[in-house]
C-alpha atoms as a PDB file:
ATOM      1  CA  MET A   1      -0.034  -0.068  -0.326  1.00  0.00           C
ATOM      2  CA  ILE A   2       1.409   3.993  -0.477  1.00  0.00           C
ATOM      3  CA  GLU A   3      -0.270   6.798   1.292  1.00  0.00           C
ATOM      4  CA  PHE A   4       0.836  10.246   0.533  1.00  0.00           C
ATOM      5  CA  LEU A   5       0.039  12.599   3.420  1.00  0.00           C
ATOM      6  CA  PHE A   6      -1.890  15.818   2.703  1.00  0.00           C
ATOM      7  CA  THR A   7      -1.714  18.906   3.777  1.00  0.00           C
ATOM      8  CA  PRO A   8      -4.036  22.154   2.995  1.00  0.00           C
ATOM      9  CA  ASP A   9      -1.629  23.417   0.875  1.00  0.00           C
ATOM     10  CA  ASP A  10      -0.320  19.995  -0.809  1.00  0.00           C
ATOM     11  CA  VAL A  11      -4.565  19.083  -1.846  1.00  0.00           C
ATOM     12  CA  ALA A  12      -4.090  23.170  -3.560  1.00  0.00           C
ATOM     13  CA  ARG A  13      -0.675  21.900  -5.361  1.00  0.00           C
ATOM     14  CA  VAL A  14      -2.252  19.160  -7.039  1.00  0.00           C
ATOM     15  CA  ARG A  15      -1.562  19.770 -10.618  1.00  0.00           C
ATOM     16  CA  PHE A  16      -2.581  17.902 -13.851  1.00  0.00           C
ATOM     17  CA  ALA A  17       0.106  17.096 -16.909  1.00  0.00           C
ATOM     18  CA  PHE A  18       0.472  15.261 -19.591  1.00  0.00           C
ATOM     19  CA  SER A  19       3.361  12.713 -20.432  1.00  0.00           C
ATOM     20  CA  PRO A  20       4.242  11.451 -24.041  1.00  0.00           C
ATOM     21  CA  LEU A  21       7.230   9.239 -22.476  1.00  0.00           C
ATOM     22  CA  TRP A  22       4.907   7.403 -19.414  1.00  0.00           C
ATOM     23  CA  GLU A  23       2.592   6.383 -22.504  1.00  0.00           C
ATOM     24  CA  LEU A  24       5.039   5.462 -24.479  1.00  0.00           C
ATOM     25  CA  ALA A  25       6.335   3.015 -21.912  1.00  0.00           C
ATOM     26  CA  HIS A  26       2.741   2.350 -21.307  1.00  0.00           C
ATOM     27  CA  SER A  27       2.357   0.886 -24.360  1.00  0.00           C
ATOM     28  CA  LEU A  28       5.166  -1.164 -24.634  1.00  0.00           C
ATOM     29  CA  ARG A  29       3.905  -3.189 -21.518  1.00  0.00           C
ATOM     30  CA  VAL A  30       0.479  -3.677 -24.296  1.00  0.00           C
ATOM     31  CA  LEU A  31       2.590  -4.766 -26.849  1.00  0.00           C
ATOM     32  CA  ALA A  32       4.567  -6.981 -24.428  1.00  0.00           C
ATOM     33  CA  ASP A  33       0.805  -8.447 -23.027  1.00  0.00           C
ATOM     34  CA  PRO A  34      -1.776  -8.061 -25.203  1.00  0.00           C
ATOM     35  CA  SER A  35      -4.017 -10.219 -23.547  1.00  0.00           C
ATOM     36  CA  ARG A  36      -4.519  -8.390 -20.457  1.00  0.00           C
ATOM     37  CA  ARG A  37      -4.967  -5.497 -22.134  1.00  0.00           C
ATOM     38  CA  ALA A  38      -6.998  -6.169 -24.994  1.00  0.00           C
ATOM     39  CA  LEU A  39      -9.436  -3.327 -25.175  1.00  0.00           C
ATOM     40  CA  HIS A  40      -6.176  -1.731 -26.901  1.00  0.00           C
ATOM     41  CA  MET A  41      -5.806  -4.462 -29.827  1.00  0.00           C
ATOM     42  CA  PRO A  42      -7.204  -2.133 -32.698  1.00  0.00           C
ATOM     43  CA  TRP A  43      -4.356  -0.551 -32.293  1.00  0.00           C
ATOM     44  CA  VAL A  44      -1.305  -3.727 -31.460  1.00  0.00           C
ATOM     45  CA  ARG A  45      -3.034  -4.400 -35.179  1.00  0.00           C
ATOM     46  CA  ALA A  46      -2.366  -1.203 -36.469  1.00  0.00           C
ATOM     47  CA  VAL A  47       1.287  -0.715 -35.500  1.00  0.00           C
ATOM     48  CA  ARG A  48       2.818  -4.318 -35.441  1.00  0.00           C
ATOM     49  CA  PRO A  49       2.998  -4.304 -38.825  1.00  0.00           C
ATOM     50  CA  ARG A  50       5.509  -0.666 -38.564  1.00  0.00           C
ATOM     51  CA  LEU A  51       7.282  -2.372 -35.823  1.00  0.00           C
ATOM     52  CA  ARG A  52       8.844  -5.555 -38.072  1.00  0.00           C
ATOM     53  CA  ARG A  53      11.585  -3.106 -38.354  1.00  0.00           C
ATOM     54  CA  LEU A  54      12.340  -2.140 -35.223  1.00  0.00           C
ATOM     55  CA  ASP A  55      14.531  -4.758 -33.001  1.00  0.00           C
ATOM     56  CA  LEU A  56      12.672  -3.874 -29.525  1.00  0.00           C
ATOM     57  CA  THR A  57      14.058  -6.603 -27.518  1.00  0.00           C
ATOM     58  CA  PRO A  58      16.275  -3.435 -24.751  1.00  0.00           C
ATOM     59  CA  LEU A  59      13.188  -1.741 -24.135  1.00  0.00           C
ATOM     60  CA  HIS A  60      10.990  -4.486 -23.535  1.00  0.00           C
ATOM     61  CA  ALA A  61      14.091  -5.764 -21.511  1.00  0.00           C
ATOM     62  CA  LEU A  62      13.475  -2.644 -19.343  1.00  0.00           C
ATOM     63  CA  VAL A  63       9.678  -2.211 -19.983  1.00  0.00           C
ATOM     64  CA  PRO A  64       8.346  -5.996 -18.127  1.00  0.00           C
ATOM     65  CA  ALA A  65       4.809  -6.626 -18.186  1.00  0.00           C
ATOM     66  CA  GLU A  66       4.356  -6.191 -14.574  1.00  0.00           C
ATOM     67  CA  GLY A  67       6.448  -4.465 -12.293  1.00  0.00           C
ATOM     68  CA  TYR A  68       9.093  -1.975 -11.916  1.00  0.00           C
ATOM     69  CA  ILE A  69       9.994   0.542 -14.832  1.00  0.00           C
ATOM     70  CA  PRO A  70      13.593   1.962 -14.613  1.00  0.00           C
ATOM     71  CA  ASP A  71      12.843   5.689 -13.417  1.00  0.00           C
ATOM     72  CA  PHE A  72      14.363   7.325 -15.836  1.00  0.00           C
ATOM     73  CA  LEU A  73      12.683   5.798 -18.501  1.00  0.00           C
ATOM     74  CA  THR A  74       9.239   8.046 -16.887  1.00  0.00           C
ATOM     75  CA  PRO A  75      11.071  11.856 -15.602  1.00  0.00           C
ATOM     76  CA  PRO A  76       8.363  13.788 -13.704  1.00  0.00           C
ATOM     77  CA  PRO A  77       6.665  16.194 -16.978  1.00  0.00           C
ATOM     78  CA  GLU A  78       8.519  19.821 -16.499  1.00  0.00           C
ATOM     79  CA  SER A  79       5.361  21.457 -17.573  1.00  0.00           C
ATOM     80  CA  PRO A  80       1.495  20.891 -17.968  1.00  0.00           C
ATOM     81  CA  LEU A  81       1.800  19.857 -22.089  1.00  0.00           C
ATOM     82  CA  PRO A  82       5.096  18.409 -22.730  1.00  0.00           C
ATOM     83  CA  ASP A  83       6.592  17.381 -26.440  1.00  0.00           C
ATOM     84  CA  PHE A  84       7.882  14.426 -26.580  1.00  0.00           C
ATOM     85  CA  ALA A  85      11.496  15.697 -27.818  1.00  0.00           C
ATOM     86  CA  THR A  86      11.701  17.884 -24.611  1.00  0.00           C
ATOM     87  CA  GLU A  87      11.026  14.167 -22.648  1.00  0.00           C
ATOM     88  CA  LEU A  88      13.455  12.577 -24.473  1.00  0.00           C
ATOM     89  CA  ALA A  89      16.206  15.001 -23.475  1.00  0.00           C
ATOM     90  CA  LEU A  90      16.190  14.255 -19.922  1.00  0.00           C
ATOM     91  CA  VAL A  91      16.638  10.970 -20.381  1.00  0.00           C
ATOM     92  CA  ARG A  92      19.664  11.439 -22.437  1.00  0.00           C
ATOM     93  CA  ALA A  93      20.946  13.310 -19.142  1.00  0.00           C
ATOM     94  CA  THR A  94      20.596  10.523 -16.921  1.00  0.00           C
ATOM     95  CA  PRO A  95      23.393  10.007 -15.176  1.00  0.00           C
ATOM     96  CA  ALA A  96      25.058   7.070 -15.542  1.00  0.00           C
ATOM     97  CA  HIS A  97      24.863   5.631 -11.631  1.00  0.00           C
ATOM     98  CA  LEU A  98      21.181   5.900 -11.454  1.00  0.00           C
ATOM     99  CA  VAL A  99      20.987   3.974 -14.946  1.00  0.00           C
ATOM    100  CA  VAL A 100      22.743   1.059 -12.569  1.00  0.00           C
ATOM    101  CA  GLU A 101      21.280   1.271  -9.780  1.00  0.00           C
ATOM    102  CA  GLU A 102      17.456   1.523 -11.659  1.00  0.00           C
ATOM    103  CA  ILE A 103      18.270  -1.168 -14.230  1.00  0.00           C
ATOM    104  CA  ARG A 104      18.495  -3.464 -10.821  1.00  0.00           C
ATOM    105  CA  HIS A 105      15.602  -3.109  -9.707  1.00  0.00           C
ATOM    106  CA  VAL A 106      14.085  -4.297 -12.978  1.00  0.00           C
ATOM    107  CA  GLY A 107      12.166  -7.268 -12.485  1.00  0.00           C
ATOM    108  CA  LEU A 108      10.964  -6.644  -9.466  1.00  0.00           C
ATOM    109  CA  ARG A 109       7.346  -6.531  -8.753  1.00  0.00           C
ATOM    110  CA  SER A 110       7.825  -3.648  -6.114  1.00  0.00           C
ATOM    111  CA  LYS A 111      11.382  -2.272  -5.393  1.00  0.00           C
ATOM    112  CA  GLY A 112      14.267  -4.184  -4.257  1.00  0.00           C
ATOM    113  CA  THR A 113      17.032  -5.565  -6.080  1.00  0.00           C
ATOM    114  CA  ALA A 114      16.312  -8.160  -8.591  1.00  0.00           C
ATOM    115  CA  PRO A 115      18.639 -11.204 -10.368  1.00  0.00           C
ATOM    116  CA  LEU A 116      20.063  -9.473 -13.846  1.00  0.00           C
ATOM    117  CA  ASP A 117      19.273 -11.743 -16.693  1.00  0.00           C
ATOM    118  CA  GLU A 118      22.754 -11.237 -19.400  1.00  0.00           C
ATOM    119  CA  ARG A 119      21.017  -8.670 -21.209  1.00  0.00           C
ATOM    120  CA  ARG A 120      20.960  -6.310 -18.903  1.00  0.00           C
ATOM    121  CA  GLN A 121      24.443  -7.531 -17.038  1.00  0.00           C
ATOM    122  CA  ALA A 122      25.846  -6.414 -20.367  1.00  0.00           C
ATOM    123  CA  MET A 123      23.499  -3.142 -20.198  1.00  0.00           C
ATOM    124  CA  ILE A 124      24.760  -1.780 -16.477  1.00  0.00           C
ATOM    125  CA  GLU A 125      28.444  -2.973 -17.814  1.00  0.00           C
ATOM    126  CA  GLU A 126      28.076   0.125 -20.257  1.00  0.00           C
ATOM    127  CA  PRO A 127      25.633   2.716 -18.767  1.00  0.00           C
ATOM    128  CA  GLU A 128      26.629   5.524 -21.455  1.00  0.00           C
ATOM    129  CA  ARG A 129      26.263   2.960 -24.202  1.00  0.00           C
ATOM    130  CA  THR A 130      22.774   1.451 -22.611  1.00  0.00           C
ATOM    131  CA  LEU A 131      21.038   4.950 -22.195  1.00  0.00           C
ATOM    132  CA  ALA A 132      22.612   6.070 -26.159  1.00  0.00           C
ATOM    133  CA  HIS A 133      20.719   2.879 -27.944  1.00  0.00           C
ATOM    134  CA  VAL A 134      18.010   2.821 -25.431  1.00  0.00           C
ATOM    135  CA  THR A 135      17.208   6.829 -26.752  1.00  0.00           C
ATOM    136  CA  ASP A 136      17.459   6.394 -29.699  1.00  0.00           C
ATOM    137  CA  LEU A 137      14.715   3.220 -29.732  1.00  0.00           C
ATOM    138  CA  LEU A 138      12.674   4.975 -27.868  1.00  0.00           C
ATOM    139  CA  ALA A 139      12.954   7.834 -30.782  1.00  0.00           C
ATOM    140  CA  ALA A 140      12.514   5.322 -33.429  1.00  0.00           C
ATOM    141  CA  TYR A 141       9.184   3.313 -31.428  1.00  0.00           C
ATOM    142  CA  TRP A 142       7.321   7.156 -30.975  1.00  0.00           C
ATOM    143  CA  GLU A 143       7.926   7.815 -34.470  1.00  0.00           C
ATOM    144  CA  ALA A 144       7.086   4.124 -35.573  1.00  0.00           C
ATOM    145  CA  ALA A 145       3.759   3.688 -33.044  1.00  0.00           C
ATOM    146  CA  LEU A 146       2.637   7.065 -30.930  1.00  0.00           C
ATOM    147  CA  GLU A 147       3.283  10.077 -32.796  1.00  0.00           C
ATOM    148  CA  ALA A 148      -0.097   9.668 -35.305  1.00  0.00           C
ATOM    149  CA  TYR A 149      -1.884   8.782 -32.575  1.00  0.00           C
ATOM    150  CA  TRP A 150      -1.026  11.339 -30.421  1.00  0.00           C
ATOM    151  CA  PRO A 151      -2.997  14.558 -31.014  1.00  0.00           C
ATOM    152  CA  SER A 152      -6.295  11.574 -30.470  1.00  0.00           C
ATOM    153  CA  ILE A 153      -4.356  10.908 -27.654  1.00  0.00           C
ATOM    154  CA  GLN A 154      -3.988  14.279 -26.537  1.00  0.00           C
ATOM    155  CA  SER A 155      -7.804  15.369 -26.817  1.00  0.00           C
ATOM    156  CA  LEU A 156      -8.899  12.957 -24.555  1.00  0.00           C
ATOM    157  CA  LEU A 157      -6.629  13.275 -21.683  1.00  0.00           C
ATOM    158  CA  GLU A 158      -7.618  17.497 -22.136  1.00  0.00           C
ATOM    159  CA  THR A 159     -11.214  16.173 -22.260  1.00  0.00           C
ATOM    160  CA  ASP A 160     -10.516  14.037 -18.815  1.00  0.00           C
ATOM    161  CA  VAL A 161      -8.355  16.702 -16.871  1.00  0.00           C
ATOM    162  CA  LEU A 162     -11.484  19.470 -17.446  1.00  0.00           C
ATOM    163  CA  ARG A 163     -13.684  17.079 -16.054  1.00  0.00           C
ATOM    164  CA  ARG A 164     -11.657  16.531 -13.158  1.00  0.00           C
ATOM    165  CA  SER A 165     -10.282  19.864 -12.274  1.00  0.00           C
ATOM    166  CA  ARG A 166     -14.458  21.044 -12.305  1.00  0.00           C
ATOM    167  CA  ALA A 167     -15.097  18.317  -9.839  1.00  0.00           C
ATOM    168  CA  LEU A 168     -11.882  19.747  -7.516  1.00  0.00           C
ATOM    169  CA  THR A 169     -13.749  23.217  -7.639  1.00  0.00           C
ATOM    170  CA  GLU A 170     -17.119  21.757  -6.790  1.00  0.00           C
ATOM    171  CA  ARG A 171     -16.159  19.344  -4.581  1.00  0.00           C
ATOM    172  CA  GLY A 172     -12.539  19.612  -3.179  1.00  0.00           C
ATOM    173  CA  ALA A 173      -9.450  16.783  -3.248  1.00  0.00           C
ATOM    174  CA  GLU A 174     -12.701  14.260  -2.135  1.00  0.00           C
ATOM    175  CA  GLY A 175     -13.854  15.019  -6.193  1.00  0.00           C
ATOM    176  CA  LEU A 176     -11.022  15.454  -7.716  1.00  0.00           C
ATOM    177  CA  PHE A 177     -10.165  10.926  -6.647  1.00  0.00           C
ATOM    178  CA  ALA A 178     -13.811  10.034  -6.566  1.00  0.00           C
ATOM    179  CA  GLY A 179     -13.950   7.699  -8.600  1.00  0.00           C
ATOM    180  CA  LEU A 180     -10.445   7.749 -10.260  1.00  0.00           C
ATOM    181  CA  HIS A 181      -9.586   3.986  -9.622  1.00  0.00           C
ATOM    182  CA  GLU A 182     -10.953   1.366  -7.926  1.00  0.00           C
ATOM    183  CA  GLY A 183      -7.430   0.323  -5.955  1.00  0.00           C
ATOM    184  CA  VAL A 184      -6.610   4.627  -4.801  1.00  0.00           C
ATOM    185  CA  ARG A 185      -8.781   5.786  -1.998  1.00  0.00           C
ATOM    186  CA  TRP A 186      -8.977   9.119  -0.159  1.00  0.00           C
ATOM    187  CA  HIS A 187      -9.431   9.351   3.293  1.00  0.00           C
ATOM    188  CA  GLY A 188      -9.664  13.449   3.989  1.00  0.00           C
ATOM    189  CA  ASP A 189      -6.436  14.003   4.849  1.00  0.00           C
ATOM    190  CA  ARG A 190      -4.597  11.148   2.548  1.00  0.00           C
ATOM    191  CA  LEU A 191      -4.960   9.394  -0.616  1.00  0.00           C
ATOM    192  CA  ALA A 192      -4.277   5.797  -0.143  1.00  0.00           C
ATOM    193  CA  VAL A 193      -3.359   3.439  -3.625  1.00  0.00           C
ATOM    194  CA  GLN A 194      -2.953  -0.362  -3.416  1.00  0.00           C
ATOM    195  CA  ARG A 195       0.508  -1.124  -4.953  1.00  0.00           C
ATOM    196  CA  THR A 196       2.503  -4.628  -4.600  1.00  0.00           C
ATOM    197  CA  TRP A 197       5.430  -2.590  -2.130  1.00  0.00           C
ATOM    198  CA  GLN A 198       4.840   0.186   0.611  1.00  0.00           C
ATOM    199  CA  TYR A 199       5.284   3.355   0.992  1.00  0.00           C
ATOM    200  CA  ARG A 200       3.849   6.579   3.515  1.00  0.00           C
ATOM    201  CA  GLY A 201       5.230   9.839   3.727  1.00  0.00           C
ATOM    202  CA  ALA A 202       3.996  12.953   3.742  1.00  0.00           C
ATOM    203  CA  LEU A 203       3.842  15.885   0.499  1.00  0.00           C
ATOM    204  CA  ALA A 204       5.521  18.342   2.630  1.00  0.00           C
ATOM    205  CA  GLY A 205       3.574  21.284   0.612  1.00  0.00           C
ATOM    206  CA  HIS A 206       5.100  19.542  -3.046  1.00  0.00           C
ATOM    207  CA  GLY A 207       1.600  18.500  -3.770  1.00  0.00           C
ATOM    208  CA  LEU A 208       0.888  15.672  -6.170  1.00  0.00           C
ATOM    209  CA  ILE A 209       1.412  15.428  -9.727  1.00  0.00           C
ATOM    210  CA  LEU A 210      -1.787  13.428 -11.717  1.00  0.00           C
ATOM    211  CA  VAL A 211      -1.003  12.134 -14.933  1.00  0.00           C
ATOM    212  CA  PRO A 212      -4.126  10.821 -16.283  1.00  0.00           C
ATOM    213  CA  SER A 213      -2.986   8.469 -19.201  1.00  0.00           C
ATOM    214  CA  VAL A 214      -4.457   5.911 -21.930  1.00  0.00           C
ATOM    215  CA  PHE A 215      -2.423   3.221 -22.224  1.00  0.00           C
ATOM    216  CA  VAL A 216      -1.851   2.564 -18.723  1.00  0.00           C
ATOM    217  CA  TRP A 217      -5.181   1.120 -18.125  1.00  0.00           C
ATOM    218  CA  PRO A 218      -6.639  -0.604 -16.096  1.00  0.00           C
ATOM    219  CA  SER A 219      -4.049   0.314 -13.522  1.00  0.00           C
ATOM    220  CA  VAL A 220      -2.537   2.969 -12.125  1.00  0.00           C
ATOM    221  CA  SER A 221       1.537   3.542 -11.838  1.00  0.00           C
ATOM    222  CA  VAL A 222       3.027   5.956  -8.914  1.00  0.00           C
ATOM    223  CA  MET A 223       6.167   7.776  -8.468  1.00  0.00           C
ATOM    224  CA  THR A 224       7.487   8.190  -4.960  1.00  0.00           C
ATOM    225  CA  PRO A 225      10.566   9.987  -3.995  1.00  0.00           C
ATOM    226  CA  PRO A 226      13.251  10.792  -4.002  1.00  0.00           C
ATOM    227  CA  TYR A 227      11.013  11.902  -7.439  1.00  0.00           C
ATOM    228  CA  ARG A 228       8.675  13.818  -7.738  1.00  0.00           C
ATOM    229  CA  PRO A 229       5.188  12.748  -5.961  1.00  0.00           C
ATOM    230  CA  MET A 230       3.487  11.580  -9.266  1.00  0.00           C
ATOM    231  CA  MET A 231       0.665   9.029 -10.313  1.00  0.00           C
ATOM    232  CA  SER A 232      -0.465   8.406 -13.796  1.00  0.00           C
ATOM    233  CA  TYR A 233      -4.293   6.965 -13.762  1.00  0.00           C
ATOM    234  CA  PRO A 234      -6.459   5.886 -17.012  1.00  0.00           C
ATOM    235  CA  VAL A 235      -8.992   8.072 -18.409  1.00  0.00           C
ATOM    236  CA  ASN A 236     -12.881   8.162 -18.842  1.00  0.00           C
ATOM    237  CA  GLY A 237     -13.489   7.185 -22.518  1.00  0.00           C
ATOM    238  CA  VAL A 238     -10.469   4.763 -23.530  1.00  0.00           C
ATOM    239  CA  ALA A 239     -12.583   2.425 -25.502  1.00  0.00           C
ATOM    240  CA  THR A 240     -13.927   5.935 -27.702  1.00  0.00           C
ATOM    241  CA  LEU A 241     -10.433   6.271 -28.570  1.00  0.00           C
ATOM    242  CA  TRP A 242      -9.812   3.428 -31.216  1.00  0.00           C
ATOM    243  CA  GLU A 243     -13.604   3.484 -32.589  1.00  0.00           C
ATOM    244  CA  THR A 244     -13.700   3.321 -36.402  1.00  0.00           C
ATOM    245  CA  ALA A 245     -17.805   3.882 -37.010  1.00  0.00           C
ATOM    246  CA  PRO A 246     -19.695   5.815 -35.239  1.00  0.00           C
ATOM    247  CA  ALA A 247     -23.581   4.919 -33.620  1.00  0.00           C
ATOM    248  CA  ALA A 248     -26.727   5.433 -35.453  1.00  0.00           C
ATOM    249  CA  PRO A 249     -28.218   8.160 -33.373  1.00  0.00           C
ATOM    250  CA  PRO A 250     -32.178   7.963 -32.439  1.00  0.00           C
ATOM    251  CA  ASP A 251     -34.509   8.493 -34.977  1.00  0.00           C
ATOM    252  CA  ALA A 252     -36.431  10.770 -33.430  1.00  0.00           C
ATOM    253  CA  LEU A 253     -33.397  13.288 -32.437  1.00  0.00           C
ATOM    254  CA  ALA A 254     -31.483  12.832 -36.048  1.00  0.00           C
ATOM    255  CA  ALA A 255     -35.725  14.338 -37.011  1.00  0.00           C
ATOM    256  CA  LEU A 256     -35.500  17.116 -35.103  1.00  0.00           C
ATOM    257  CA  ILE A 257     -31.984  18.789 -35.867  1.00  0.00           C
ATOM    258  CA  GLY A 258     -30.440  16.526 -38.378  1.00  0.00           C
ATOM    259  CA  ARG A 259     -28.689  13.231 -38.749  1.00  0.00           C
ATOM    260  CA  ARG A 260     -25.094  14.845 -38.337  1.00  0.00           C
ATOM    261  CA  ARG A 261     -25.806  17.062 -35.757  1.00  0.00           C
ATOM    262  CA  ALA A 262     -27.555  14.279 -33.155  1.00  0.00           C
ATOM    263  CA  GLY A 263     -24.463  12.585 -33.338  1.00  0.00           C
ATOM    264  CA  LEU A 264     -22.584  14.821 -32.630  1.00  0.00           C
ATOM    265  CA  LEU A 265     -24.823  15.845 -29.694  1.00  0.00           C
ATOM    266  CA  LEU A 266     -23.820  12.246 -28.865  1.00  0.00           C
ATOM    267  CA  ALA A 267     -20.578  12.395 -29.055  1.00  0.00           C
ATOM    268  CA  LEU A 268     -20.870  14.754 -26.571  1.00  0.00           C
ATOM    269  CA  ALA A 269     -21.683  13.026 -23.753  1.00  0.00           C
ATOM    270  CA  GLY A 270     -18.165  14.106 -22.745  1.00  0.00           C
ATOM    271  CA  PRO A 271     -15.868  17.105 -23.148  1.00  0.00           C
ATOM    272  CA  ALA A 272     -14.056  17.270 -26.665  1.00  0.00           C
ATOM    273  CA  SER A 273     -12.380  18.957 -28.909  1.00  0.00           C
ATOM    274  CA  THR A 274     -13.412  19.894 -32.200  1.00  0.00           C
ATOM    275  CA  THR A 275     -10.442  17.348 -33.967  1.00  0.00           C
ATOM    276  CA  GLU A 276     -11.411  14.597 -31.726  1.00  0.00           C
ATOM    277  CA  LEU A 277     -14.822  14.860 -32.882  1.00  0.00           C
ATOM    278  CA  ALA A 278     -14.274  14.954 -36.287  1.00  0.00           C
ATOM    279  CA  ARG A 279     -11.702  12.087 -36.160  1.00  0.00           C
ATOM    280  CA  ARG A 280     -14.747   9.736 -34.211  1.00  0.00           C
ATOM    281  CA  LEU A 281     -17.507  10.667 -36.795  1.00  0.00           C
ATOM    282  CA  ALA A 282     -15.579  11.160 -39.358  1.00  0.00           C
ATOM    283  CA  VAL A 283     -15.875  14.221 -40.881  1.00  0.00           C
ATOM    284  CA  THR A 284     -14.182  16.979 -41.918  1.00  0.00           C
ATOM    285  CA  PRO A 285     -12.916  19.413 -39.568  1.00  0.00           C
ATOM    286  CA  GLY A 286     -14.438  22.221 -40.862  1.00  0.00           C
ATOM    287  CA  ALA A 287     -18.235  20.669 -40.868  1.00  0.00           C
ATOM    288  CA  ILE A 288     -17.605  19.620 -37.368  1.00  0.00           C
ATOM    289  CA  SER A 289     -17.183  23.269 -36.475  1.00  0.00           C
ATOM    290  CA  GLN A 290     -20.497  24.254 -38.786  1.00  0.00           C
ATOM    291  CA  HIS A 291     -22.212  22.046 -36.392  1.00  0.00           C
ATOM    292  CA  LEU A 292     -21.192  23.012 -33.338  1.00  0.00           C
ATOM    293  CA  GLY A 293     -21.486  26.487 -34.039  1.00  0.00           C
ATOM    294  CA  VAL A 294     -25.948  26.034 -34.858  1.00  0.00           C
ATOM    295  CA  LEU A 295     -25.595  23.566 -31.222  1.00  0.00           C
ATOM    296  CA  ARG A 296     -24.468  26.553 -29.939  1.00  0.00           C
ATOM    297  CA  ALA A 297     -26.702  29.364 -30.966  1.00  0.00           C
ATOM    298  CA  CYS A 298     -29.280  26.834 -29.083  1.00  0.00           C
ATOM    299  CA  GLY A 299     -27.840  26.877 -26.405  1.00  0.00           C
ATOM    300  CA  LEU A 300     -27.366  22.730 -26.599  1.00  0.00           C
ATOM    301  CA  VAL A 301     -23.499  22.921 -26.261  1.00  0.00           C
ATOM    302  CA  ALA A 302     -20.862  24.917 -24.582  1.00  0.00           C
ATOM    303  CA  GLY A 303     -17.732  25.448 -25.766  1.00  0.00           C
ATOM    304  CA  ARG A 304     -14.390  26.336 -22.948  1.00  0.00           C
ATOM    305  CA  ARG A 305     -10.496  26.777 -23.836  1.00  0.00           C
ATOM    306  CA  VAL A 306      -7.864  24.557 -22.201  1.00  0.00           C
ATOM    307  CA  GLY A 307      -4.523  25.541 -23.504  1.00  0.00           C
ATOM    308  CA  ARG A 308      -4.713  25.988 -26.798  1.00  0.00           C
ATOM    309  CA  ARG A 309      -8.197  23.849 -27.389  1.00  0.00           C
ATOM    310  CA  VAL A 310     -10.883  24.787 -27.215  1.00  0.00           C
ATOM    311  CA  LEU A 311     -13.293  21.316 -25.337  1.00  0.00           C
ATOM    312  CA  TYR A 312     -17.141  21.338 -26.191  1.00  0.00           C
ATOM    313  CA  ALA A 313     -19.585  20.004 -24.013  1.00  0.00           C
ATOM    314  CA  ARG A 314     -23.321  19.655 -23.937  1.00  0.00           C
ATOM    315  CA  THR A 315     -25.396  21.971 -21.607  1.00  0.00           C
ATOM    316  CA  ALA A 316     -28.348  20.817 -19.582  1.00  0.00           C
ATOM    317  CA  SER A 317     -30.556  21.424 -22.008  1.00  0.00           C
ATOM    318  CA  GLY A 318     -28.243  19.862 -24.682  1.00  0.00           C
ATOM    319  CA  ASP A 319     -28.289  16.771 -21.890  1.00  0.00           C
ATOM    320  CA  ALA A 320     -31.834  16.956 -21.668  1.00  0.00           C
ATOM    321  CA  LEU A 321     -32.393  16.517 -25.795  1.00  0.00           C
ATOM    322  CA  ALA A 322     -30.254  13.901 -26.550  1.00  0.00           C
ATOM    323  CA  GLU A 323     -31.349  12.070 -23.150  1.00  0.00           C
ATOM    324  CA  ALA A 324     -34.926  12.880 -24.405  1.00  0.00           C
ATOM    325  CA  GLY A 325     -34.247  11.625 -27.726  1.00  0.00           C
ATOM    326  CA  GLY A 326     -33.071   8.479 -26.994  1.00  0.00           C
ATOM    327  CA  ALA A 327     -36.000   8.147 -23.997  1.00  0.00           C
ATOM    328  CA  ILE A 328     -38.245   8.343 -27.227  1.00  0.00           C
ATOM    329  CA  ASP A 329     -36.629   6.109 -29.831  1.00  0.00           C
ATOM    330  CA  MET A 330     -36.681   3.652 -27.651  1.00  0.00           C
ATOM    331  CA  ASP A 331     -40.609   3.718 -26.604  1.00  0.00           C
ATOM    332  CA  VAL A 332     -41.147   3.539 -30.198  1.00  0.00           C
ATOM    333  CA  THR A 333     -39.117   0.354 -30.382  1.00  0.00           C
ATOM    334  CA  GLU A 334     -41.151  -1.521 -27.243  1.00  0.00           C
ATOM    335  CA  ARG A 335     -44.487  -0.422 -28.689  1.00  0.00           C
ATOM    336  CA  ASP A 336     -43.675  -1.532 -32.022  1.00  0.00           C
END
């Protein structure tokens, strides 16, 4: 069990950040054991042909399907919206002694010293060479497997941050952590996280960084001192990321406002950007913007800027119309 002890200052210093490298590390776990993370199988099938030219053996040696991942591969984000190149530069700057120390932990479900296999033994004998090779391989893997998906992933992460930020504003820390993960519980002045290793410590006014993630699903990942305390958790709506065809809207709602706008209204059950909506509904961003303009003028959706993007969500009137449209269709089906 891990327990972070909070003061009021710590609650005030909770912040969100995204991490391309954290996503990369956990995506390697998906590839290592897709059966345990079947939700991501559409992505696995799509990227495997692109990875045939890469020897990912060194990365899989450092990022097993479960257990400890070397902390130098997942540095704490230094800004809310870091880019991959910035994070990779932090990995390249890792001191050799940390490379050796942290590779020794790999293979355990909890922190400690694990027996070294032949490959990891070779890695720690030449830590500078290992670090250079691993960072080059991380860059190649990112380009082949994740770079094209990052805009959609980031949009989903931003949506989750907006939702949880509202919960923090309305209900405080209890609202923020409610429903975050079944293994995470808020107890008034401490956050308990179910893990196979033990840690209990005060945040001492430094707060906690929360890192929403797609590929960490269905688990959580935690980083403790001497690194900045962080927790990565699975975002809501992960399954929608790999959808290729939207569900048809109810006929009653489509007849009222048009099939495309009805589908858009239903897709806005959670906040989303124009780019994400265009991907999910398989139409151009320009068409999405036009339909959003109509729905917004009717008071059915509203937009809110988060960082460099505008996220749209249904208003109370939009919720009522979407729910009523579905209810009418269900009633008609039952009577038929």
